[in-house]
Amino acid sequence: MDTILSDSSLQELFLQTLTDKEKHAYTIAQNHLGCSFSLAKANGYVKWKKQYLEKLEKLETNIIKIKNS
């Protein structure tokens, strides 16, 4: 059961988790840095993505265990 999520889908999910204050900071970063800003390289996104994919993998493992028992 391999889940395939595109990076753009993950970025959309990440943006939905931001608080209003974080969304404001994100908008400021985009405006000030312009095309040199990369959400994919942002520390907060990288950390969130790693944790999200680890949780997803654990969930998938548990589902497989349940199906096989």
Protein backbone atom coordinates (compact mmCIF):
# COMPACT_ATOMS: atom_id res chain seq x y z
CA MET A 1 0.00 0.00 0.00
CA ASP A 2 2.24 2.78 -1.25
CA THR A 3 0.84 6.27 -1.01
CA ILE A 4 2.07 8.56 -3.71
CA LEU A 5 1.66 12.25 -3.01
CA SER A 6 3.13 14.89 -5.24
CA ASP A 7 5.23 17.58 -3.61
CA SER A 8 2.68 20.18 -4.68
CA SER A 9 -0.08 18.19 -2.92
CA LEU A 10 2.04 18.01 0.21
CA GLN A 11 2.71 21.75 0.03
CA GLU A 12 -1.03 22.42 -0.22
CA LEU A 13 -1.63 20.22 2.83
CA PHE A 14 1.14 22.03 4.71
CA LEU A 15 -0.31 25.45 3.90
CA GLN A 16 -3.68 24.32 5.28
CA THR A 17 -2.03 23.57 8.63
CA LEU A 18 -0.62 27.07 9.08
CA THR A 19 -2.02 29.48 11.64
CA ASP A 20 -3.09 32.95 10.50
CA LYS A 21 0.19 34.35 11.83
CA GLU A 22 2.20 31.72 9.93
CA LYS A 23 0.21 32.37 6.74
CA HIS A 24 0.99 36.06 7.07
CA ALA A 25 4.71 35.31 7.50
CA TYR A 26 4.54 33.00 4.46
CA THR A 27 2.98 35.78 2.36
CA ILE A 28 5.61 38.27 3.50
CA ALA A 29 8.40 35.82 2.64
CA GLN A 30 6.94 35.26 -0.84
CA ASN A 31 6.58 38.99 -1.45
CA HIS A 32 10.02 39.94 -0.18
CA LEU A 33 11.98 37.06 -1.68
CA GLY A 34 10.01 36.75 -4.90
CA CYS A 35 11.12 33.96 -7.19
CA SER A 36 14.02 33.04 -4.89
CA PHE A 37 11.54 31.82 -2.25
CA SER A 38 11.01 28.07 -2.27
CA LEU A 39 8.48 26.47 0.05
CA ALA A 40 10.04 23.09 -0.73
CA LYS A 41 13.29 24.30 0.87
CA ALA A 42 11.73 26.13 3.83
CA ASN A 43 12.79 24.62 7.16
CA GLY A 44 9.26 24.47 8.52
CA TYR A 45 7.94 22.68 5.45
CA VAL A 46 10.83 20.21 5.34
CA LYS A 47 10.30 19.32 9.01
CA TRP A 48 6.51 19.04 8.59
CA LYS A 49 6.86 16.88 5.46
CA LYS A 50 9.22 14.46 7.19
CA GLN A 51 6.89 14.09 10.18
CA TYR A 52 3.80 13.80 7.97
CA LEU A 53 5.30 11.08 5.79
CA GLU A 54 6.52 9.17 8.86
CA LYS A 55 3.01 9.26 10.37
CA LEU A 56 1.50 8.19 7.08
CA GLU A 57 3.93 5.28 6.81
CA LYS A 58 3.09 4.13 10.35
CA LEU A 59 -0.61 4.33 9.57
CA GLU A 60 -0.18 2.30 6.40
CA THR A 61 1.85 -0.30 8.30
CA ASN A 62 -0.86 -0.60 10.93
CA ILE A 63 -3.55 -0.99 8.25
CA ILE A 64 -1.56 -3.79 6.60
CA LYS A 65 -1.12 -5.52 9.96
CA ILE A 66 -4.86 -5.33 10.62
CA LYS A 67 -5.70 -6.66 7.15
CA ASN A 68 -3.29 -9.57 7.57
CA SER A 69 -4.54 -10.60 11.00
